Amino acid sequence: MFRSLLFGGKMRLFSSYRTDNILNPLNLFFGILFWKKQAELQLQRSGLTYTIVRPGGLKDTLESGEKRGAIQMQKANAIE
């Protein structure tokens, strides 16, 4: 599901992309994304210093200006 790691007093939560999408098919099976979102909310309210990582999907083809192996970082739910 997801992993939580504590490094140097900072919490890292590896969750899933599109946890805000309640109609995602992954929510049809035990509400997987719902529970991941609940973990994110609890971490946000905890007062700890944290980073939430929501890995996205892989692409078959590169668009103009993209480099193979590049990591794209954006605010939550910015990638469509």
Foldseek 3Di string as FASTA:
>chain_A
DWDWDADPQEIEIEAAAPLVPCPPPVCVPVHRSVVSVVVVVCVVPVPTHYDYHHDDDDDPDDDPPDDPPDDDDDPHPPDD
